Amino acid sequence: MANLLKVAASVAPEVERPAAEKLISGDPVFTTWNLEEKDGLYAGIWQSTVGKWHVSYDEWEYFRLLKGVSILTDAEGQETRLTAGDSFIIRPGFSGTWEVVETTRKDYVIRL
């Protein structure tokens, strides 16, 4: 079935860290399993270890936390605690910080 893709972390992951100028604290390591990249749509699984960094979104993203605890804080300082089972949409123009309190894993769909 060429048009049906089982979502599983069966592809080789990409491992990286936030850019030095974005890092606020810790030494977070990002592991990303990109499952689909087509026509400006990206879907997969992302994981990060503990740390905090600046974020700025030009894209639209839907995500659901599979495990862990994070805190997303907008530019005005409003904090949102993210825990396993939570689903959110981040719209283009969001900026602030992402802090991983406990190793966090999410599935995501991004639209450029």
Protein backbone atom coordinates (compact mmCIF):
# COMPACT_ATOMS: atom_id res chain seq x y z
CA MET A 1 0.00 0.00 0.00
CA ALA A 2 2.04 2.91 -1.29
CA ASN A 3 -0.42 5.52 0.04
CA LEU A 4 -0.54 4.20 3.59
CA LEU A 5 2.41 4.82 5.90
CA LYS A 6 2.53 3.33 9.38
CA VAL A 7 3.76 5.94 11.85
CA ALA A 8 6.67 4.41 13.74
CA ALA A 9 10.20 5.50 14.50
CA SER A 10 11.57 3.05 11.95
CA VAL A 11 13.60 5.58 9.95
CA ALA A 12 17.10 6.69 10.89
CA PRO A 13 16.88 9.65 13.30
CA GLU A 14 18.54 13.02 12.87
CA VAL A 15 20.32 14.23 16.01
CA GLU A 16 21.12 17.90 16.67
CA ARG A 17 21.19 20.64 19.28
CA PRO A 18 19.76 24.16 19.24
CA ALA A 19 21.97 26.84 17.74
CA ALA A 20 24.27 28.40 20.36
CA GLU A 21 22.61 31.82 20.01
CA LYS A 22 19.20 30.29 20.85
CA LEU A 23 20.31 28.25 23.87
CA ILE A 24 19.30 29.59 27.29
CA SER A 25 20.13 26.67 29.60
CA GLY A 26 21.08 23.01 29.67
CA ASP A 27 22.42 20.92 26.82
CA PRO A 28 19.30 19.69 25.03
CA VAL A 29 19.70 17.03 22.36
CA PHE A 30 17.02 16.85 19.67
CA THR A 31 16.25 13.53 17.99
CA THR A 32 13.93 13.73 14.99
CA TRP A 33 12.42 10.93 12.94
CA ASN A 34 11.16 12.61 9.75
CA LEU A 35 8.49 10.26 8.42
CA GLU A 36 7.07 12.41 5.62
CA GLU A 37 8.37 15.43 3.72
CA LYS A 38 6.28 16.42 0.72
CA ASP A 39 4.89 19.62 -0.81
CA GLY A 40 5.63 21.77 2.25
CA LEU A 41 4.22 19.22 4.69
CA TYR A 42 6.43 17.58 7.31
CA ALA A 43 5.36 14.87 9.74
CA GLY A 44 7.25 12.76 12.23
CA ILE A 45 8.35 12.28 15.80
CA TRP A 46 10.60 14.66 17.74
CA GLN A 47 12.28 14.20 21.11
CA SER A 48 14.38 16.49 23.28
CA THR A 49 16.32 16.09 26.49
CA VAL A 50 16.24 18.72 29.25
CA GLY A 51 17.10 22.33 28.40
CA LYS A 52 15.66 25.69 27.36
CA TRP A 53 15.99 27.70 24.13
CA HIS A 54 14.41 30.53 22.13
CA VAL A 55 11.85 29.58 19.46
CA SER A 56 10.30 31.52 16.58
CA TYR A 57 7.75 29.93 14.25
CA ASP A 58 7.24 30.94 10.61
CA GLU A 59 5.32 27.72 10.00
CA TRP A 60 2.08 26.17 11.30
CA GLU A 61 2.50 23.13 13.55
CA TYR A 62 0.14 20.63 15.14
CA PHE A 63 1.65 18.36 17.80
CA ARG A 64 0.68 15.87 20.50
CA LEU A 65 2.96 15.11 23.42
CA LEU A 66 3.60 11.39 23.74
CA LYS A 67 5.69 11.66 26.92
CA GLY A 68 7.45 14.15 29.14
CA VAL A 69 6.88 17.66 30.42
CA SER A 70 7.72 20.95 28.71
CA ILE A 71 6.87 24.61 29.23
CA LEU A 72 6.17 26.84 26.25
CA THR A 73 6.37 30.56 27.09
CA ASP A 74 5.26 33.26 24.65
CA ALA A 75 6.99 36.61 24.11
CA GLU A 76 4.67 38.25 26.68
CA GLY A 77 5.74 35.75 29.35
CA GLN A 78 2.58 33.61 29.44
CA GLU A 79 3.56 30.01 30.27
CA THR A 80 1.77 26.89 29.04
CA ARG A 81 2.68 23.57 30.64
CA LEU A 82 2.70 20.69 28.15
CA THR A 83 2.27 17.13 29.41
CA ALA A 84 1.79 13.70 27.82
CA GLY A 85 -1.54 13.51 26.02
CA ASP A 86 -1.79 17.27 25.32
CA SER A 87 -2.35 18.47 21.74
CA PHE A 88 -1.63 21.98 20.49
CA ILE A 89 -1.43 24.09 17.35
CA ILE A 90 1.31 26.71 17.06
CA ARG A 91 0.51 29.35 14.46
CA PRO A 92 3.05 31.29 12.41
CA GLY A 93 4.34 34.31 14.31
CA PHE A 94 4.68 32.61 17.69
CA SER A 95 7.91 33.44 19.48
CA GLY A 96 9.15 32.76 22.97
CA THR A 97 10.94 29.88 24.69
CA TRP A 98 10.63 26.12 24.84
CA GLU A 99 11.80 24.47 28.06
CA VAL A 100 12.01 20.71 28.42
CA VAL A 101 11.58 19.85 32.10
CA GLU A 102 11.46 16.05 31.54
CA THR A 103 12.60 14.43 28.29
CA THR A 104 9.77 15.17 25.87
CA ARG A 105 8.60 13.26 22.81
CA LYS A 106 5.93 14.52 20.42
CA ASP A 107 4.46 13.60 17.08
CA TYR A 108 4.01 16.54 14.74
CA VAL A 109 2.66 17.81 11.46
CA ILE A 110 4.20 21.01 10.10
CA ARG A 111 2.87 23.04 7.17
CA LEU A 112 5.12 25.68 5.62
